[in-house]
Amino acid sequence: MNTLTPKEALNKAFLKVKPTVEEINNFKAALKLLRFRISVNESEEYNKNIVRDFFKEIAFSNYNVNTSERIDLSIAELGRNLVIFEVKKERKHTSFPLPLERGS
């Protein structure tokens, strides 16, 4: 199976965005905090809230980052979900989608 790399999957317009050193450092700090706070011993709900806080901190403070109807977590603007996430407790799941194949 041929899977897309992040560079291939990303809209080409986003490749032109150059983050500042400060933005990169803020992202690194937020990512370290996320990794520290996530706990395999906690519930999906607990960890989902930590992921929500991470997204709000790194770049999405002007968006609604929260649950939406039956969606575990979404980044929304003006009531429209722009990005959706399915959150699972760390264990083997068959409910995860397969990687995106080229040409799909």
N, C-alpha and C. Protein backbone atom coordinates (compact mmCIF):
# COMPACT_ATOMS: atom_id res chain seq x y z
N MET A 1 0.84 -1.17 0.00
CA MET A 1 0.00 0.00 0.00
C MET A 1 0.89 1.24 0.00
N ASN A 2 0.65 2.15 -0.92
CA ASN A 2 1.37 3.42 -0.97
C ASN A 2 0.61 4.46 -0.17
N THR A 3 1.25 5.03 0.83
CA THR A 3 0.60 6.06 1.64
C THR A 3 1.20 7.42 1.30
N LEU A 4 0.42 8.45 1.55
CA LEU A 4 0.88 9.81 1.30
C LEU A 4 1.77 10.28 2.44
N THR A 5 2.81 11.01 2.09
CA THR A 5 3.63 11.66 3.10
C THR A 5 2.88 12.92 3.54
N PRO A 6 3.22 13.49 4.70
CA PRO A 6 2.55 14.74 5.10
C PRO A 6 2.70 15.84 4.04
N LYS A 7 3.86 15.93 3.42
CA LYS A 7 4.08 16.97 2.39
C LYS A 7 3.16 16.75 1.20
N GLU A 8 2.92 15.50 0.82
CA GLU A 8 2.04 15.19 -0.31
C GLU A 8 0.57 15.45 0.03
N ALA A 9 0.21 15.21 1.29
CA ALA A 9 -1.19 15.35 1.70
C ALA A 9 -1.58 16.80 1.98
N LEU A 10 -0.60 17.63 2.31
CA LEU A 10 -0.86 19.01 2.69
C LEU A 10 -1.12 19.88 1.48
N ASN A 11 -2.11 20.76 1.59
CA ASN A 11 -2.39 21.73 0.53
C ASN A 11 -1.12 22.54 0.28
N LYS A 12 -0.76 22.70 -0.97
CA LYS A 12 0.50 23.37 -1.33
C LYS A 12 0.60 24.79 -0.80
N ALA A 13 -0.53 25.47 -0.62
CA ALA A 13 -0.50 26.84 -0.08
C ALA A 13 0.09 26.88 1.32
N PHE A 14 -0.12 25.82 2.10
CA PHE A 14 0.41 25.78 3.46
C PHE A 14 1.93 25.61 3.49
N LEU A 15 2.49 25.07 2.43
CA LEU A 15 3.95 24.90 2.38
C LEU A 15 4.67 26.24 2.30
N LYS A 16 3.97 27.28 1.90
CA LYS A 16 4.58 28.61 1.77
C LYS A 16 4.57 29.39 3.07
N VAL A 17 3.82 28.91 4.06
CA VAL A 17 3.75 29.58 5.36
C VAL A 17 5.02 29.25 6.15
N LYS A 18 5.74 30.29 6.53
CA LYS A 18 6.98 30.11 7.28
C LYS A 18 6.78 30.56 8.72
N PRO A 19 6.76 29.62 9.66
CA PRO A 19 6.60 30.02 11.06
C PRO A 19 7.84 30.75 11.58
N THR A 20 7.62 31.63 12.54
CA THR A 20 8.73 32.34 13.17
C THR A 20 9.43 31.40 14.16
N VAL A 21 10.60 31.78 14.59
CA VAL A 21 11.34 31.01 15.59
C VAL A 21 10.52 30.94 16.88
N GLU A 22 9.88 32.05 17.24
CA GLU A 22 9.05 32.08 18.44
C GLU A 22 7.88 31.10 18.32
N GLU A 23 7.23 31.06 17.16
CA GLU A 23 6.12 30.12 16.95
C GLU A 23 6.59 28.67 17.06
N ILE A 24 7.74 28.38 16.51
CA ILE A 24 8.29 27.02 16.59
C ILE A 24 8.61 26.66 18.03
N ASN A 25 9.21 27.58 18.76
CA ASN A 25 9.54 27.33 20.16
C ASN A 25 8.29 27.17 21.02
N ASN A 26 7.25 27.97 20.75
CA ASN A 26 5.98 27.83 21.47
C ASN A 26 5.35 26.48 21.18
N PHE A 27 5.42 26.04 19.92
CA PHE A 27 4.87 24.74 19.56
C PHE A 27 5.61 23.62 20.27
N LYS A 28 6.94 23.69 20.29
CA LYS A 28 7.74 22.67 20.97
C LYS A 28 7.39 22.59 22.45
N ALA A 29 7.26 23.75 23.09
CA ALA A 29 6.93 23.77 24.51
C ALA A 29 5.54 23.18 24.76
N ALA A 30 4.58 23.54 23.91
CA ALA A 30 3.23 23.02 24.06
C ALA A 30 3.20 21.51 23.82
N LEU A 31 3.97 21.03 22.86
CA LEU A 31 4.03 19.60 22.57
C LEU A 31 4.65 18.83 23.73
N LYS A 32 5.69 19.37 24.33
CA LYS A 32 6.29 18.72 25.51
C LYS A 32 5.28 18.63 26.64
N LEU A 33 4.53 19.71 26.86
CA LEU A 33 3.52 19.72 27.91
C LEU A 33 2.42 18.70 27.60
N LEU A 34 2.01 18.62 26.35
CA LEU A 34 1.00 17.64 25.94
C LEU A 34 1.47 16.23 26.25
N ARG A 35 2.69 15.92 25.86
CA ARG A 35 3.24 14.58 26.10
C ARG A 35 3.34 14.27 27.58
N PHE A 36 3.64 15.27 28.39
CA PHE A 36 3.73 15.09 29.84
C PHE A 36 2.36 14.86 30.46
N ARG A 37 1.34 15.57 29.98
CA ARG A 37 0.02 15.53 30.60
C ARG A 37 -0.83 14.34 30.16
N ILE A 38 -0.64 13.83 28.95
CA ILE A 38 -1.42 12.69 28.47
C ILE A 38 -1.10 11.48 29.35
N SER A 39 -2.13 10.74 29.71
CA SER A 39 -1.92 9.58 30.58
C SER A 39 -2.70 8.39 30.05
N VAL A 40 -1.99 7.27 29.87
CA VAL A 40 -2.65 6.04 29.41
C VAL A 40 -3.55 5.47 30.50
N ASN A 41 -3.38 5.92 31.73
CA ASN A 41 -4.20 5.43 32.84
C ASN A 41 -5.50 6.21 32.99
N GLU A 42 -5.63 7.29 32.25
CA GLU A 42 -6.83 8.12 32.33
C GLU A 42 -7.80 7.77 31.22
N SER A 43 -9.00 8.32 31.32
CA SER A 43 -10.05 8.06 30.33
C SER A 43 -9.82 8.83 29.04
N GLU A 44 -10.54 8.41 28.00
CA GLU A 44 -10.51 9.14 26.73
C GLU A 44 -10.94 10.59 26.95
N GLU A 45 -11.96 10.77 27.78
CA GLU A 45 -12.51 12.11 28.05
C GLU A 45 -11.44 13.02 28.65
N TYR A 46 -10.71 12.50 29.61
CA TYR A 46 -9.64 13.26 30.26
C TYR A 46 -8.59 13.68 29.23
N ASN A 47 -8.11 12.72 28.44
CA ASN A 47 -7.07 13.01 27.46
C ASN A 47 -7.57 13.90 26.33
N LYS A 48 -8.85 13.77 25.98
CA LYS A 48 -9.43 14.63 24.94
C LYS A 48 -9.37 16.09 25.36
N ASN A 49 -9.62 16.36 26.63
CA ASN A 49 -9.55 17.73 27.12
C ASN A 49 -8.13 18.28 27.07
N ILE A 50 -7.15 17.44 27.31
CA ILE A 50 -5.76 17.86 27.22
C ILE A 50 -5.40 18.19 25.77
N VAL A 51 -5.84 17.35 24.84
CA VAL A 51 -5.59 17.61 23.41
C VAL A 51 -6.29 18.91 22.99
N ARG A 52 -7.51 19.11 23.47
CA ARG A 52 -8.24 20.36 23.17
C ARG A 52 -7.43 21.57 23.63
N ASP A 53 -6.92 21.52 24.85
CA ASP A 53 -6.14 22.64 25.38
C ASP A 53 -4.87 22.86 24.55
N PHE A 54 -4.25 21.78 24.10
CA PHE A 54 -3.05 21.88 23.25
C PHE A 54 -3.38 22.65 21.97
N PHE A 55 -4.46 22.29 21.29
CA PHE A 55 -4.81 22.97 20.05
C PHE A 55 -5.14 24.44 20.29
N LYS A 56 -5.82 24.73 21.38
CA LYS A 56 -6.13 26.12 21.69
C LYS A 56 -4.85 26.92 21.94
N GLU A 57 -3.88 26.28 22.57
CA GLU A 57 -2.64 26.98 22.90
C GLU A 57 -1.76 27.22 21.68
N ILE A 58 -1.70 26.25 20.76
CA ILE A 58 -0.74 26.39 19.66
C ILE A 58 -1.19 27.33 18.55
N ALA A 59 -2.48 27.38 18.23
CA ALA A 59 -2.86 28.23 17.11
C ALA A 59 -4.35 28.43 16.94
N PHE A 60 -5.15 27.77 17.71
CA PHE A 60 -6.58 27.77 17.43
C PHE A 60 -7.41 28.45 18.52
N SER A 61 -6.83 29.45 19.18
CA SER A 61 -7.56 30.12 20.26
C SER A 61 -8.76 30.91 19.73
N ASN A 62 -8.75 31.28 18.48
CA ASN A 62 -9.87 32.02 17.89
C ASN A 62 -10.94 31.11 17.31
N TYR A 63 -10.76 29.81 17.46
CA TYR A 63 -11.72 28.82 16.95
C TYR A 63 -12.40 28.12 18.12
N ASN A 64 -13.51 27.49 17.85
CA ASN A 64 -14.18 26.66 18.85
C ASN A 64 -13.55 25.27 18.77
N VAL A 65 -12.78 24.92 19.77
CA VAL A 65 -12.15 23.60 19.85
C VAL A 65 -12.85 22.84 20.96
N ASN A 66 -13.70 21.90 20.57
CA ASN A 66 -14.49 21.19 21.58
C ASN A 66 -15.22 20.03 20.93
N THR A 67 -16.04 19.34 21.71
CA THR A 67 -16.87 18.29 21.15
C THR A 67 -17.98 18.95 20.32
N SER A 68 -18.51 18.19 19.38
CA SER A 68 -19.58 18.71 18.53
C SER A 68 -20.53 17.57 18.20
N GLU A 69 -21.71 17.63 18.78
CA GLU A 69 -22.70 16.56 18.61
C GLU A 69 -22.05 15.23 18.96
N ARG A 70 -21.92 14.31 18.01
CA ARG A 70 -21.34 13.00 18.31
C ARG A 70 -19.85 12.93 17.93
N ILE A 71 -19.26 14.06 17.59
CA ILE A 71 -17.85 14.12 17.22
C ILE A 71 -17.02 14.28 18.49
N ASP A 72 -15.99 13.44 18.64
CA ASP A 72 -15.15 13.49 19.85
C ASP A 72 -14.53 14.86 20.07
N LEU A 73 -13.94 15.41 19.04
CA LEU A 73 -13.26 16.69 19.16
C LEU A 73 -13.24 17.33 17.78
N SER A 74 -13.51 18.63 17.72
CA SER A 74 -13.47 19.31 16.43
C SER A 74 -12.90 20.71 16.61
N ILE A 75 -12.36 21.22 15.50
CA ILE A 75 -11.98 22.62 15.42
C ILE A 75 -13.00 23.23 14.48
N ALA A 76 -13.76 24.19 15.01
CA ALA A 76 -14.88 24.74 14.25
C ALA A 76 -14.81 26.26 14.22
N GLU A 77 -15.46 26.79 13.20
CA GLU A 77 -15.57 28.24 13.06
C GLU A 77 -16.97 28.55 12.56
N LEU A 78 -17.63 29.46 13.24
CA LEU A 78 -18.99 29.87 12.86
C LEU A 78 -19.93 28.67 12.73
N GLY A 79 -19.79 27.71 13.66
CA GLY A 79 -20.67 26.55 13.68
C GLY A 79 -20.35 25.48 12.65
N ARG A 80 -19.30 25.65 11.89
CA ARG A 80 -18.92 24.67 10.85
C ARG A 80 -17.65 23.95 11.28
N ASN A 81 -17.70 22.62 11.35
CA ASN A 81 -16.51 21.84 11.71
C ASN A 81 -15.51 21.88 10.57
N LEU A 82 -14.31 22.34 10.88
CA LEU A 82 -13.24 22.41 9.89
C LEU A 82 -12.33 21.19 9.97
N VAL A 83 -12.11 20.70 11.19
CA VAL A 83 -11.28 19.52 11.43
C VAL A 83 -11.98 18.69 12.49
N ILE A 84 -12.02 17.37 12.29
CA ILE A 84 -12.61 16.50 13.31
C ILE A 84 -11.59 15.45 13.75
N PHE A 85 -11.70 15.04 15.00
CA PHE A 85 -10.80 14.06 15.58
C PHE A 85 -11.61 12.96 16.25
N GLU A 86 -11.14 11.76 16.12
CA GLU A 86 -11.68 10.63 16.86
C GLU A 86 -10.65 10.29 17.92
N VAL A 87 -11.04 10.31 19.18
CA VAL A 87 -10.11 10.07 20.27
C VAL A 87 -10.35 8.68 20.83
N LYS A 88 -9.28 7.90 20.96
CA LYS A 88 -9.37 6.55 21.49
C LYS A 88 -8.36 6.38 22.61
N LYS A 89 -8.73 5.58 23.58
CA LYS A 89 -7.78 5.21 24.63
C LYS A 89 -6.71 4.34 24.00
N GLU A 90 -5.49 4.46 24.49
CA GLU A 90 -4.38 3.71 23.90
C GLU A 90 -4.58 2.22 24.11
N ARG A 91 -4.87 1.53 23.02
CA ARG A 91 -4.98 0.08 22.96
C ARG A 91 -5.24 -0.27 21.51
N LYS A 92 -5.21 -1.52 21.20
CA LYS A 92 -5.39 -1.93 19.81
C LYS A 92 -6.85 -1.77 19.40
N HIS A 93 -7.08 -1.02 18.34
CA HIS A 93 -8.44 -0.78 17.85
C HIS A 93 -8.53 -1.14 16.39
N THR A 94 -9.63 -1.73 16.02
CA THR A 94 -9.87 -1.98 14.60
C THR A 94 -10.76 -0.91 14.01
N SER A 95 -11.19 0.06 14.84
CA SER A 95 -12.08 1.11 14.35
C SER A 95 -11.33 2.27 13.72
N PHE A 96 -9.99 2.26 13.76
CA PHE A 96 -9.25 3.33 13.13
C PHE A 96 -9.26 3.16 11.62
N PRO A 97 -9.35 4.25 10.88
CA PRO A 97 -9.32 4.15 9.42
C PRO A 97 -7.94 3.73 8.93
N LEU A 98 -7.90 3.16 7.76
CA LEU A 98 -6.62 2.79 7.15
C LEU A 98 -5.94 4.05 6.64
N PRO A 99 -4.61 4.00 6.46
CA PRO A 99 -3.91 5.16 5.90
C PRO A 99 -4.45 5.52 4.52
N LEU A 100 -4.40 6.82 4.21
CA LEU A 100 -4.86 7.31 2.92
C LEU A 100 -3.95 6.78 1.82
N GLU A 101 -4.53 6.18 0.81
CA GLU A 101 -3.74 5.67 -0.30
C GLU A 101 -3.63 6.69 -1.40
N ARG A 102 -2.56 6.62 -2.15
CA ARG A 102 -2.38 7.52 -3.29
C ARG A 102 -3.51 7.29 -4.28
N GLY A 103 -4.00 8.36 -4.85
CA GLY A 103 -5.06 8.25 -5.83
C GLY A 103 -6.44 8.16 -5.23
N SER A 104 -6.55 8.19 -3.88
CA SER A 104 -7.87 8.10 -3.23
C SER A 104 -8.55 9.44 -3.26
